[in-house]
């Protein structure tokens, strides 16, 4: 294996770690937002905000770092994805901005209308990215029409194909379950019981949608060896099953960790379906962007790896530290 190929694989793994880390960490923030309007009491909604307040901005660092890593390591992929998904990503950005501002401004004015506005902004700003992130992954698995320059040639509505929408529902339900389980960990009494109930209800959307999406993927969108995606998909289904078992037993933390494992395995199974592709050209497979034809030079990858190896431990260390400091109930 040449130095360039080694660096390409290493960077794929690093970006994978960042994206999975973001999905697990910001996933519970987004999931809490999905349930925010279901809380009937003002004090309960305030508790939901307090549950994520110490973490949400640090969690989003993982997304920013993943985007920067993609730009540095696979610039052609970055250009294709960010131009092809431009409108969808702008909607995600608007949602994230409203979510961030609502957390900061919700309690600045003691006016019920003011609080209600930011409650809605927080919920919508959480639900919209939860759906669109997964729709984007569905489109990567489905394939995009590309020209010889790697530019996306379809329209925004082409991204809303049935397969990608099913994958979008998987992601939305996954974050809804994850957020409810996180609330079950961070709260107690009536609120905890309510959160466990939400997780149980959302699970009945998560599990069937995942089975449908996995079967659809296996029969229509696996371009290479089926063994690894099947093995990872089966492991993901096991983790999803454990969520229901632990939640019914009232083991909130175990259910939450099972949800973390499920998210990681679902995303790894998607990577296994794609590999070695990063963006599949649905109109002509020869135009697909792969780990090996869309990367930066060996020099760039090597130099950036030094920076990543210095920076990632800081991000991971801060994440562990802040969760240990605020590990109690709200």
C-alpha atoms as a PDB file:
ATOM      1  CA  UNK A   1       0.000   0.000   0.000  1.00  0.00           C
ATOM      2  CA  UNK A   2       1.463   3.343  -1.043  1.00  0.00           C
ATOM      3  CA  UNK A   3       1.775   6.326   1.272  1.00  0.00           C
ATOM      4  CA  UNK A   4      -1.003   8.187  -0.579  1.00  0.00           C
ATOM      5  CA  UNK A   5      -3.454   5.287  -0.294  1.00  0.00           C
ATOM      6  CA  UNK A   6      -2.647   4.895   3.407  1.00  0.00           C
ATOM      7  CA  UNK A   7      -3.288   8.578   4.020  1.00  0.00           C
ATOM      8  CA  UNK A   8      -6.534   8.435   2.042  1.00  0.00           C
ATOM      9  CA  UNK A   9      -7.832   5.567   4.190  1.00  0.00           C
ATOM     10  CA  UNK A  10      -6.686   7.276   7.400  1.00  0.00           C
ATOM     11  CA  UNK A  11      -8.526  10.461   6.461  1.00  0.00           C
ATOM     12  CA  UNK A  12     -11.664   8.520   5.593  1.00  0.00           C
ATOM     13  CA  UNK A  13     -11.525   6.974   9.076  1.00  0.00           C
ATOM     14  CA  UNK A  14     -10.906  10.342  10.754  1.00  0.00           C
ATOM     15  CA  UNK A  15     -13.835  11.972   8.980  1.00  0.00           C
ATOM     16  CA  UNK A  16     -15.950   8.951   9.855  1.00  0.00           C
ATOM     17  CA  UNK A  17     -15.070   9.343  13.540  1.00  0.00           C
ATOM     18  CA  UNK A  18     -15.975  13.043  13.421  1.00  0.00           C
ATOM     19  CA  UNK A  19     -19.299  12.486  11.666  1.00  0.00           C
ATOM     20  CA  UNK A  20     -20.313   9.612  13.955  1.00  0.00           C
ATOM     21  CA  UNK A  21     -19.207  11.625  16.989  1.00  0.00           C
ATOM     22  CA  UNK A  22     -21.344  14.528  15.810  1.00  0.00           C
ATOM     23  CA  UNK A  23     -24.360  12.291  15.170  1.00  0.00           C
ATOM     24  CA  UNK A  24     -24.167  10.802  18.669  1.00  0.00           C
ATOM     25  CA  UNK A  25     -23.453  14.046  20.511  1.00  0.00           C
ATOM     26  CA  UNK A  26     -25.523  16.612  18.658  1.00  0.00           C
ATOM     27  CA  UNK A  27     -28.071  13.864  17.945  1.00  0.00           C
ATOM     28  CA  UNK A  28     -29.384  14.020  21.488  1.00  0.00           C
ATOM     29  CA  UNK A  29     -29.527  17.847  21.288  1.00  0.00           C
ATOM     30  CA  UNK A  30     -31.579  17.631  18.113  1.00  0.00           C
ATOM     31  CA  UNK A  31     -33.715  14.877  19.599  1.00  0.00           C
ATOM     32  CA  UNK A  32     -34.486  16.952  22.685  1.00  0.00           C
ATOM     33  CA  UNK A  33     -35.610  19.753  20.368  1.00  0.00           C
ATOM     34  CA  UNK A  34     -37.943  17.395  18.503  1.00  0.00           C
ATOM     35  CA  UNK A  35     -39.805  16.694  21.756  1.00  0.00           C
ATOM     36  CA  UNK A  36     -39.655  20.247  23.088  1.00  0.00           C
ATOM     37  CA  UNK A  37     -43.201  21.260  22.133  1.00  0.00           C
ATOM     38  CA  UNK A  38     -44.602  18.010  23.549  1.00  0.00           C
ATOM     39  CA  UNK A  39     -43.774  19.234  27.043  1.00  0.00           C
ATOM     40  CA  UNK A  40     -46.890  20.948  28.376  1.00  0.00           C
ATOM     41  CA  UNK A  41     -45.366  22.809  31.302  1.00  0.00           C
ATOM     42  CA  UNK A  42     -43.078  25.819  30.998  1.00  0.00           C
ATOM     43  CA  UNK A  43     -40.822  24.450  33.733  1.00  0.00           C
ATOM     44  CA  UNK A  44     -40.490  21.185  31.830  1.00  0.00           C
ATOM     45  CA  UNK A  45     -39.425  22.960  28.645  1.00  0.00           C
ATOM     46  CA  UNK A  46     -36.898  24.979  30.623  1.00  0.00           C
ATOM     47  CA  UNK A  47     -35.513  21.730  32.034  1.00  0.00           C
ATOM     48  CA  UNK A  48     -35.109  20.399  28.492  1.00  0.00           C
ATOM     49  CA  UNK A  49     -33.053  23.458  27.564  1.00  0.00           C
ATOM     50  CA  UNK A  50     -30.932  23.134  30.709  1.00  0.00           C
ATOM     51  CA  UNK A  51     -30.281  19.466  29.905  1.00  0.00           C
ATOM     52  CA  UNK A  52     -28.391  20.387  26.724  1.00  0.00           C
ATOM     53  CA  UNK A  53     -27.267  23.937  27.505  1.00  0.00           C
ATOM     54  CA  UNK A  54     -23.720  23.011  28.651  1.00  0.00           C
ATOM     55  CA  UNK A  55     -23.114  20.768  25.640  1.00  0.00           C
ATOM     56  CA  UNK A  56     -24.808  21.898  22.441  1.00  0.00           C
ATOM     57  CA  UNK A  57     -22.204  24.401  21.197  1.00  0.00           C
ATOM     58  CA  UNK A  58     -19.306  22.034  21.960  1.00  0.00           C
ATOM     59  CA  UNK A  59     -21.146  19.235  20.173  1.00  0.00           C
ATOM     60  CA  UNK A  60     -21.413  21.316  17.012  1.00  0.00           C
ATOM     61  CA  UNK A  61     -17.622  21.649  16.928  1.00  0.00           C
ATOM     62  CA  UNK A  62     -17.617  18.061  15.668  1.00  0.00           C
ATOM     63  CA  UNK A  63     -19.689  19.087  12.643  1.00  0.00           C
ATOM     64  CA  UNK A  64     -17.483  22.090  11.878  1.00  0.00           C
ATOM     65  CA  UNK A  65     -14.352  19.961  12.202  1.00  0.00           C
ATOM     66  CA  UNK A  66     -15.809  17.260   9.950  1.00  0.00           C
ATOM     67  CA  UNK A  67     -16.646  19.884   7.300  1.00  0.00           C
ATOM     68  CA  UNK A  68     -13.153  21.339   7.491  1.00  0.00           C
ATOM     69  CA  UNK A  69     -11.594  17.879   7.292  1.00  0.00           C
ATOM     70  CA  UNK A  70     -13.679  17.030   4.224  1.00  0.00           C
ATOM     71  CA  UNK A  71     -12.604  20.279   2.558  1.00  0.00           C
ATOM     72  CA  UNK A  72      -8.931  19.581   3.288  1.00  0.00           C
ATOM     73  CA  UNK A  73      -8.846  15.867   2.493  1.00  0.00           C
ATOM     74  CA  UNK A  74     -11.430  15.459  -0.276  1.00  0.00           C
ATOM     75  CA  UNK A  75     -12.011  18.911  -1.821  1.00  0.00           C
ATOM     76  CA  UNK A  76     -13.776  17.557  -4.917  1.00  0.00           C
ATOM     77  CA  UNK A  77     -16.307  15.765  -2.711  1.00  0.00           C
ATOM     78  CA  UNK A  78     -16.783  18.896  -0.612  1.00  0.00           C
ATOM     79  CA  UNK A  79     -17.434  20.956  -3.753  1.00  0.00           C
ATOM     80  CA  UNK A  80     -19.904  18.464  -5.237  1.00  0.00           C
ATOM     81  CA  UNK A  81     -21.855  17.847  -2.033  1.00  0.00           C
ATOM     82  CA  UNK A  82     -22.045  21.467  -0.903  1.00  0.00           C
ATOM     83  CA  UNK A  83     -23.065  22.724  -4.341  1.00  0.00           C
ATOM     84  CA  UNK A  84     -25.498  19.872  -5.054  1.00  0.00           C
ATOM     85  CA  UNK A  85     -27.149  20.101  -1.632  1.00  0.00           C
ATOM     86  CA  UNK A  86     -26.940  23.898  -1.527  1.00  0.00           C
ATOM     87  CA  UNK A  87     -30.592  24.699  -0.800  1.00  0.00           C
ATOM     88  CA  UNK A  88     -30.959  21.776   1.616  1.00  0.00           C
ATOM     89  CA  UNK A  89     -27.823  22.831   3.475  1.00  0.00           C
ATOM     90  CA  UNK A  90     -29.053  26.420   3.672  1.00  0.00           C
ATOM     91  CA  UNK A  91     -32.243  25.108   5.300  1.00  0.00           C
ATOM     92  CA  UNK A  92     -30.099  23.103   7.735  1.00  0.00           C
ATOM     93  CA  UNK A  93     -28.038  26.211   8.479  1.00  0.00           C
ATOM     94  CA  UNK A  94     -31.152  28.317   9.103  1.00  0.00           C
ATOM     95  CA  UNK A  95     -32.440  25.607  11.444  1.00  0.00           C
ATOM     96  CA  UNK A  96     -29.179  25.450  13.381  1.00  0.00           C
ATOM     97  CA  UNK A  97     -29.048  29.257  13.670  1.00  0.00           C
ATOM     98  CA  UNK A  98     -32.599  29.446  15.011  1.00  0.00           C
ATOM     99  CA  UNK A  99     -31.885  26.615  17.435  1.00  0.00           C
ATOM    100  CA  UNK A 100     -28.759  28.326  18.753  1.00  0.00           C
ATOM    101  CA  UNK A 101     -30.404  31.740  19.074  1.00  0.00           C
ATOM    102  CA  UNK A 102     -33.476  30.276  20.770  1.00  0.00           C
ATOM    103  CA  UNK A 103     -31.340  28.632  23.474  1.00  0.00           C
ATOM    104  CA  UNK A 104     -29.633  31.953  24.204  1.00  0.00           C
ATOM    105  CA  UNK A 105     -32.639  34.297  23.898  1.00  0.00           C
ATOM    106  CA  UNK A 106     -35.593  32.241  25.159  1.00  0.00           C
ATOM    107  CA  UNK A 107     -35.367  33.436  28.752  1.00  0.00           C
ATOM    108  CA  UNK A 108     -34.218  36.994  28.101  1.00  0.00           C
ATOM    109  CA  UNK A 109     -37.741  38.476  28.209  1.00  0.00           C
ATOM    110  CA  UNK A 110     -40.478  37.463  30.665  1.00  0.00           C
ATOM    111  CA  UNK A 111     -43.232  37.516  28.057  1.00  0.00           C
ATOM    112  CA  UNK A 112     -45.199  34.299  27.262  1.00  0.00           C
ATOM    113  CA  UNK A 113     -45.384  35.226  23.559  1.00  0.00           C
ATOM    114  CA  UNK A 114     -41.623  35.756  23.412  1.00  0.00           C
ATOM    115  CA  UNK A 115     -40.959  32.403  25.089  1.00  0.00           C
ATOM    116  CA  UNK A 116     -43.509  30.631  22.863  1.00  0.00           C
ATOM    117  CA  UNK A 117     -41.875  32.019  19.707  1.00  0.00           C
ATOM    118  CA  UNK A 118     -38.437  30.756  20.697  1.00  0.00           C
ATOM    119  CA  UNK A 119     -39.873  27.413  21.801  1.00  0.00           C
ATOM    120  CA  UNK A 120     -41.250  26.914  18.287  1.00  0.00           C
ATOM    121  CA  UNK A 121     -37.960  28.123  16.758  1.00  0.00           C
ATOM    122  CA  UNK A 122     -36.029  25.640  18.902  1.00  0.00           C
ATOM    123  CA  UNK A 123     -38.293  22.735  17.916  1.00  0.00           C
ATOM    124  CA  UNK A 124     -38.324  23.524  14.189  1.00  0.00           C
ATOM    125  CA  UNK A 125     -34.584  24.298  14.221  1.00  0.00           C
ATOM    126  CA  UNK A 126     -33.982  20.844  15.670  1.00  0.00           C
ATOM    127  CA  UNK A 127     -36.459  18.832  13.583  1.00  0.00           C
ATOM    128  CA  UNK A 128     -35.443  20.256  10.194  1.00  0.00           C
ATOM    129  CA  UNK A 129     -31.719  19.301  10.364  1.00  0.00           C
ATOM    130  CA  UNK A 130     -32.629  15.899  11.844  1.00  0.00           C
ATOM    131  CA  UNK A 131     -34.598  15.076   8.704  1.00  0.00           C
ATOM    132  CA  UNK A 132     -32.382  16.748   6.103  1.00  0.00           C
ATOM    133  CA  UNK A 133     -29.103  15.251   7.343  1.00  0.00           C
ATOM    134  CA  UNK A 134     -30.487  11.772   6.772  1.00  0.00           C
ATOM    135  CA  UNK A 135     -32.072  12.710   3.431  1.00  0.00           C
ATOM    136  CA  UNK A 136     -28.596  13.823   2.311  1.00  0.00           C
ATOM    137  CA  UNK A 137     -27.112  10.459   3.322  1.00  0.00           C
ATOM    138  CA  UNK A 138     -29.941   8.736   1.468  1.00  0.00           C
ATOM    139  CA  UNK A 139     -29.038  10.642  -1.685  1.00  0.00           C
ATOM    140  CA  UNK A 140     -25.376   9.662  -1.367  1.00  0.00           C
ATOM    141  CA  UNK A 141     -26.442   6.007  -1.162  1.00  0.00           C
ATOM    142  CA  UNK A 142     -28.937   6.476  -4.001  1.00  0.00           C
ATOM    143  CA  UNK A 143     -26.449   8.285  -6.228  1.00  0.00           C
ATOM    144  CA  UNK A 144     -26.452  11.736  -7.792  1.00  0.00           C
ATOM    145  CA  UNK A 145     -26.412  12.736 -11.474  1.00  0.00           C
ATOM    146  CA  UNK A 146     -22.977  14.263 -12.115  1.00  0.00           C
ATOM    147  CA  UNK A 147     -21.251  15.723 -15.147  1.00  0.00           C
ATOM    148  CA  UNK A 148     -17.636  15.189 -16.129  1.00  0.00           C
ATOM    149  CA  UNK A 149     -16.540  18.025 -13.831  1.00  0.00           C
ATOM    150  CA  UNK A 150     -18.205  16.411 -10.824  1.00  0.00           C
ATOM    151  CA  UNK A 151     -21.014  18.980 -10.705  1.00  0.00           C
ATOM    152  CA  UNK A 152     -24.501  17.948  -9.613  1.00  0.00           C
ATOM    153  CA  UNK A 153     -26.864  18.238 -12.594  1.00  0.00           C
ATOM    154  CA  UNK A 154     -30.188  17.531 -10.897  1.00  0.00           C
ATOM    155  CA  UNK A 155     -32.628  19.824  -9.078  1.00  0.00           C
ATOM    156  CA  UNK A 156     -33.561  20.250  -5.424  1.00  0.00           C
ATOM    157  CA  UNK A 157     -36.704  18.160  -5.951  1.00  0.00           C
ATOM    158  CA  UNK A 158     -34.645  15.294  -7.367  1.00  0.00           C
ATOM    159  CA  UNK A 159     -33.144  14.993  -3.882  1.00  0.00           C
ATOM    160  CA  UNK A 160     -36.612  14.257  -2.502  1.00  0.00           C
ATOM    161  CA  UNK A 161     -36.809  10.794  -4.071  1.00  0.00           C
ATOM    162  CA  UNK A 162     -38.712   8.034  -2.212  1.00  0.00           C
ATOM    163  CA  UNK A 163     -35.617   6.105  -1.103  1.00  0.00           C
ATOM    164  CA  UNK A 164     -33.902   9.164   0.350  1.00  0.00           C
ATOM    165  CA  UNK A 165     -37.088  10.208   2.153  1.00  0.00           C
ATOM    166  CA  UNK A 166     -37.298   6.773   3.785  1.00  0.00           C
ATOM    167  CA  UNK A 167     -33.679   7.146   4.913  1.00  0.00           C
ATOM    168  CA  UNK A 168     -34.629  10.621   6.140  1.00  0.00           C
ATOM    169  CA  UNK A 169     -37.382   9.109   8.291  1.00  0.00           C
ATOM    170  CA  UNK A 170     -34.853   6.659   9.730  1.00  0.00           C
ATOM    171  CA  UNK A 171     -32.589   9.539  10.761  1.00  0.00           C
ATOM    172  CA  UNK A 172     -35.440  11.611  12.153  1.00  0.00           C
ATOM    173  CA  UNK A 173     -36.797   8.714  14.233  1.00  0.00           C
ATOM    174  CA  UNK A 174     -33.272   7.770  15.331  1.00  0.00           C
ATOM    175  CA  UNK A 175     -32.623  11.247  16.740  1.00  0.00           C
ATOM    176  CA  UNK A 176     -36.101  11.368  18.296  1.00  0.00           C
ATOM    177  CA  UNK A 177     -35.396   8.129  20.184  1.00  0.00           C
ATOM    178  CA  UNK A 178     -31.904   9.313  21.104  1.00  0.00           C
ATOM    179  CA  UNK A 179     -33.150  12.647  22.449  1.00  0.00           C
ATOM    180  CA  UNK A 180     -35.954  11.072  24.480  1.00  0.00           C
ATOM    181  CA  UNK A 181     -33.533   8.586  26.040  1.00  0.00           C
ATOM    182  CA  UNK A 182     -31.150  11.410  26.889  1.00  0.00           C
ATOM    183  CA  UNK A 183     -33.993  13.222  28.649  1.00  0.00           C
ATOM    184  CA  UNK A 184     -34.752  10.017  30.543  1.00  0.00           C
ATOM    185  CA  UNK A 185     -31.132  10.019  31.746  1.00  0.00           C
ATOM    186  CA  UNK A 186     -31.108  13.702  32.714  1.00  0.00           C
ATOM    187  CA  UNK A 187     -34.533  13.996  34.361  1.00  0.00           C
ATOM    188  CA  UNK A 188     -36.508  12.188  37.027  1.00  0.00           C
ATOM    189  CA  UNK A 189     -40.053  11.525  38.194  1.00  0.00           C
ATOM    190  CA  UNK A 190     -42.954  12.384  35.898  1.00  0.00           C
ATOM    191  CA  UNK A 191     -40.742  13.991  33.255  1.00  0.00           C
ATOM    192  CA  UNK A 192     -38.501  10.933  33.062  1.00  0.00           C
ATOM    193  CA  UNK A 193     -41.522   8.639  32.704  1.00  0.00           C
ATOM    194  CA  UNK A 194     -42.844  10.850  29.917  1.00  0.00           C
ATOM    195  CA  UNK A 195     -39.480  10.771  28.121  1.00  0.00           C
ATOM    196  CA  UNK A 196     -39.341   6.973  28.338  1.00  0.00           C
ATOM    197  CA  UNK A 197     -42.817   6.864  26.825  1.00  0.00           C
ATOM    198  CA  UNK A 198     -41.752   9.114  23.957  1.00  0.00           C
ATOM    199  CA  UNK A 199     -38.736   6.890  23.311  1.00  0.00           C
ATOM    200  CA  UNK A 200     -40.964   3.813  23.243  1.00  0.00           C
ATOM    201  CA  UNK A 201     -43.351   5.406  20.735  1.00  0.00           C
ATOM    202  CA  UNK A 202     -40.578   6.742  18.481  1.00  0.00           C
ATOM    203  CA  UNK A 203     -38.907   3.313  18.541  1.00  0.00           C
ATOM    204  CA  UNK A 204     -41.884   1.920  16.625  1.00  0.00           C
ATOM    205  CA  UNK A 205     -41.042   4.299  13.798  1.00  0.00           C
ATOM    206  CA  UNK A 206     -37.258   3.866  14.061  1.00  0.00           C
ATOM    207  CA  UNK A 207     -37.086   0.055  13.908  1.00  0.00           C
ATOM    208  CA  UNK A 208     -39.538  -0.570  11.006  1.00  0.00           C
ATOM    209  CA  UNK A 209     -38.134   2.325   8.948  1.00  0.00           C
ATOM    210  CA  UNK A 210     -34.610   0.994   9.441  1.00  0.00           C
ATOM    211  CA  UNK A 211     -35.661  -2.506   8.353  1.00  0.00           C
ATOM    212  CA  UNK A 212     -37.368  -1.102   5.239  1.00  0.00           C
ATOM    213  CA  UNK A 213     -34.388   1.136   4.387  1.00  0.00           C
ATOM    214  CA  UNK A 214     -31.883  -1.680   4.989  1.00  0.00           C
ATOM    215  CA  UNK A 215     -33.814  -4.107   2.774  1.00  0.00           C
ATOM    216  CA  UNK A 216     -34.242  -1.491   0.055  1.00  0.00           C
ATOM    217  CA  UNK A 217     -30.525  -0.692   0.196  1.00  0.00           C
ATOM    218  CA  UNK A 218     -29.486  -4.355   0.043  1.00  0.00           C
ATOM    219  CA  UNK A 219     -31.654  -5.019  -3.004  1.00  0.00           C
ATOM    220  CA  UNK A 220     -31.002  -1.840  -4.936  1.00  0.00           C
ATOM    221  CA  UNK A 221     -28.004   0.167  -3.817  1.00  0.00           C
ATOM    222  CA  UNK A 222     -25.172  -2.131  -2.761  1.00  0.00           C
ATOM    223  CA  UNK A 223     -22.592  -1.917  -5.552  1.00  0.00           C
ATOM    224  CA  UNK A 224     -19.928  -4.153  -4.005  1.00  0.00           C
ATOM    225  CA  UNK A 225     -19.655  -6.919  -1.434  1.00  0.00           C
ATOM    226  CA  UNK A 226     -22.874  -7.353   0.551  1.00  0.00           C
ATOM    227  CA  UNK A 227     -21.323  -9.184   3.517  1.00  0.00           C
ATOM    228  CA  UNK A 228     -19.963  -6.232   5.526  1.00  0.00           C
ATOM    229  CA  UNK A 229     -23.048  -3.989   5.110  1.00  0.00           C
ATOM    230  CA  UNK A 230     -25.249  -6.930   6.112  1.00  0.00           C
ATOM    231  CA  UNK A 231     -23.130  -7.691   9.189  1.00  0.00           C
ATOM    232  CA  UNK A 232     -23.139  -4.046  10.294  1.00  0.00           C
ATOM    233  CA  UNK A 233     -26.859  -3.733   9.579  1.00  0.00           C
ATOM    234  CA  UNK A 234     -27.578  -6.819  11.692  1.00  0.00           C
ATOM    235  CA  UNK A 235     -25.460  -5.407  14.530  1.00  0.00           C
ATOM    236  CA  UNK A 236     -27.346  -2.110  14.243  1.00  0.00           C
ATOM    237  CA  UNK A 237     -30.672  -3.954  14.478  1.00  0.00           C
ATOM    238  CA  UNK A 238     -29.431  -5.740  17.594  1.00  0.00           C
ATOM    239  CA  UNK A 239     -28.525  -2.402  19.191  1.00  0.00           C
ATOM    240  CA  UNK A 240     -31.929  -0.985  18.214  1.00  0.00           C
ATOM    241  CA  UNK A 241     -33.591  -4.009  19.818  1.00  0.00           C
ATOM    242  CA  UNK A 242     -31.609  -3.482  23.020  1.00  0.00           C
ATOM    243  CA  UNK A 243     -32.908   0.089  23.185  1.00  0.00           C
ATOM    244  CA  UNK A 244     -36.457  -1.205  23.574  1.00  0.00           C
ATOM    245  CA  UNK A 245     -35.475  -3.885  26.107  1.00  0.00           C
ATOM    246  CA  UNK A 246     -33.482  -1.519  28.328  1.00  0.00           C
ATOM    247  CA  UNK A 247     -36.079   1.246  28.067  1.00  0.00           C
ATOM    248  CA  UNK A 248     -38.876  -1.118  29.157  1.00  0.00           C
ATOM    249  CA  UNK A 249     -36.725  -2.199  32.096  1.00  0.00           C
ATOM    250  CA  UNK A 250     -36.255   1.413  33.145  1.00  0.00           C
ATOM    251  CA  UNK A 251     -32.489   1.273  32.542  1.00  0.00           C
ATOM    252  CA  UNK A 252     -32.227   4.740  31.031  1.00  0.00           C
ATOM    253  CA  UNK A 253     -28.435   4.947  30.788  1.00  0.00           C
ATOM    254  CA  UNK A 254     -28.113   1.474  29.238  1.00  0.00           C
ATOM    255  CA  UNK A 255     -30.819   2.348  26.699  1.00  0.00           C
ATOM    256  CA  UNK A 256     -29.026   5.591  25.861  1.00  0.00           C
ATOM    257  CA  UNK A 257     -25.707   3.791  25.294  1.00  0.00           C
ATOM    258  CA  UNK A 258     -27.503   1.231  23.123  1.00  0.00           C
ATOM    259  CA  UNK A 259     -28.834   4.163  21.104  1.00  0.00           C
ATOM    260  CA  UNK A 260     -25.269   5.529  20.767  1.00  0.00           C
ATOM    261  CA  UNK A 261     -24.125   2.126  19.485  1.00  0.00           C
ATOM    262  CA  UNK A 262     -27.079   1.962  17.102  1.00  0.00           C
ATOM    263  CA  UNK A 263     -26.267   5.362  15.590  1.00  0.00           C
ATOM    264  CA  UNK A 264     -22.616   4.399  15.105  1.00  0.00           C
ATOM    265  CA  UNK A 265     -23.527   1.067  13.489  1.00  0.00           C
ATOM    266  CA  UNK A 266     -26.205   2.554  11.230  1.00  0.00           C
ATOM    267  CA  UNK A 267     -23.710   5.091   9.932  1.00  0.00           C
ATOM    268  CA  UNK A 268     -20.928   2.520   9.549  1.00  0.00           C
ATOM    269  CA  UNK A 269     -23.279   0.331   7.517  1.00  0.00           C
ATOM    270  CA  UNK A 270     -23.917   3.311   5.208  1.00  0.00           C
ATOM    271  CA  UNK A 271     -20.165   3.835   4.790  1.00  0.00           C
ATOM    272  CA  UNK A 272     -19.749   0.122   4.020  1.00  0.00           C
ATOM    273  CA  UNK A 273     -22.375   0.416   1.275  1.00  0.00           C
ATOM    274  CA  UNK A 274     -20.624   3.435  -0.242  1.00  0.00           C
ATOM    275  CA  UNK A 275     -16.960   2.376   0.022  1.00  0.00           C
ATOM    276  CA  UNK A 276     -14.752   3.081  -1.888  1.00  0.00           C
ATOM    277  CA  UNK A 277     -17.136   5.693  -3.287  1.00  0.00           C
ATOM    278  CA  UNK A 278     -17.870   8.959  -1.535  1.00  0.00           C
ATOM    279  CA  UNK A 279     -20.278  10.372  -4.121  1.00  0.00           C
ATOM    280  CA  UNK A 280     -21.817   7.875  -6.544  1.00  0.00           C
ATOM    281  CA  UNK A 281     -22.704   9.141 -10.033  1.00  0.00           C
ATOM    282  CA  UNK A 282     -26.087   7.583 -10.774  1.00  0.00           C
ATOM    283  CA  UNK A 283     -25.893   8.427 -14.476  1.00  0.00           C
ATOM    284  CA  UNK A 284     -22.374   7.054 -15.097  1.00  0.00           C
ATOM    285  CA  UNK A 285     -20.443   5.070 -12.440  1.00  0.00           C
ATOM    286  CA  UNK A 286     -17.144   6.112 -14.025  1.00  0.00           C
ATOM    287  CA  UNK A 287     -17.837   9.704 -12.903  1.00  0.00           C
ATOM    288  CA  UNK A 288     -18.176   8.715  -9.233  1.00  0.00           C
ATOM    289  CA  UNK A 289     -15.928  10.408  -6.691  1.00  0.00           C
ATOM    290  CA  UNK A 290     -14.023   7.868  -4.633  1.00  0.00           C
ATOM    291  CA  UNK A 291     -11.629   7.865  -1.720  1.00  0.00           C
ATOM    292  CA  UNK A 292      -8.820   7.362  -4.223  1.00  0.00           C
ATOM    293  CA  UNK A 293      -9.637   9.771  -7.072  1.00  0.00           C
ATOM    294  CA  UNK A 294     -11.005  12.753  -5.127  1.00  0.00           C
ATOM    295  CA  UNK A 295      -8.422  13.319  -2.410  1.00  0.00           C
ATOM    296  CA  UNK A 296      -5.812  16.010  -1.924  1.00  0.00           C
ATOM    297  CA  UNK A 297      -2.137  15.284  -2.516  1.00  0.00           C
ATOM    298  CA  UNK A 298      -0.083  13.115  -0.191  1.00  0.00           C
ATOM    299  CA  UNK A 299       1.737  16.222   1.052  1.00  0.00           C
ATOM    300  CA  UNK A 300      -1.518  17.976   1.964  1.00  0.00           C
ATOM    301  CA  UNK A 301      -2.964  14.876   3.617  1.00  0.00           C
ATOM    302  CA  UNK A 302       0.229  14.343   5.590  1.00  0.00           C
ATOM    303  CA  UNK A 303       0.490  17.944   6.760  1.00  0.00           C
ATOM    304  CA  UNK A 304      -3.182  18.056   7.762  1.00  0.00           C
ATOM    305  CA  UNK A 305      -2.825  14.745   9.597  1.00  0.00           C
ATOM    306  CA  UNK A 306      -0.246  16.319  11.908  1.00  0.00           C
ATOM    307  CA  UNK A 307      -2.694  19.125  12.709  1.00  0.00           C
ATOM    308  CA  UNK A 308      -5.556  16.639  13.181  1.00  0.00           C
ATOM    309  CA  UNK A 309      -3.547  14.448  15.545  1.00  0.00           C
ATOM    310  CA  UNK A 310      -2.785  17.528  17.628  1.00  0.00           C
ATOM    311  CA  UNK A 311      -6.315  18.936  17.577  1.00  0.00           C
ATOM    312  CA  UNK A 312      -8.599  15.912  17.870  1.00  0.00           C
ATOM    313  CA  UNK A 313      -7.405  14.893  21.373  1.00  0.00           C
ATOM    314  CA  UNK A 314      -8.290  18.416  22.547  1.00  0.00           C
ATOM    315  CA  UNK A 315     -11.809  18.137  21.141  1.00  0.00           C
ATOM    316  CA  UNK A 316     -12.283  14.644  22.578  1.00  0.00           C
ATOM    317  CA  UNK A 317     -10.781  15.649  25.921  1.00  0.00           C
ATOM    318  CA  UNK A 318     -13.027  18.709  26.222  1.00  0.00           C
ATOM    319  CA  UNK A 319     -16.095  16.624  25.332  1.00  0.00           C
ATOM    320  CA  UNK A 320     -15.305  14.032  28.013  1.00  0.00           C
ATOM    321  CA  UNK A 321     -14.492  16.739  30.573  1.00  0.00           C
ATOM    322  CA  UNK A 322     -17.682  18.743  30.089  1.00  0.00           C
ATOM    323  CA  UNK A 323     -19.880  15.646  30.237  1.00  0.00           C
ATOM    324  CA  UNK A 324     -18.223  14.576  33.482  1.00  0.00           C
ATOM    325  CA  UNK A 325     -18.738  18.021  35.014  1.00  0.00           C
ATOM    326  CA  UNK A 326     -22.444  18.145  34.109  1.00  0.00           C
ATOM    327  CA  UNK A 327     -23.269  14.445  34.432  1.00  0.00           C
ATOM    328  CA  UNK A 328     -26.035  14.854  37.050  1.00  0.00           C
ATOM    329  CA  UNK A 329     -29.769  15.357  36.714  1.00  0.00           C
ATOM    330  CA  UNK A 330     -31.111  18.781  35.739  1.00  0.00           C
END
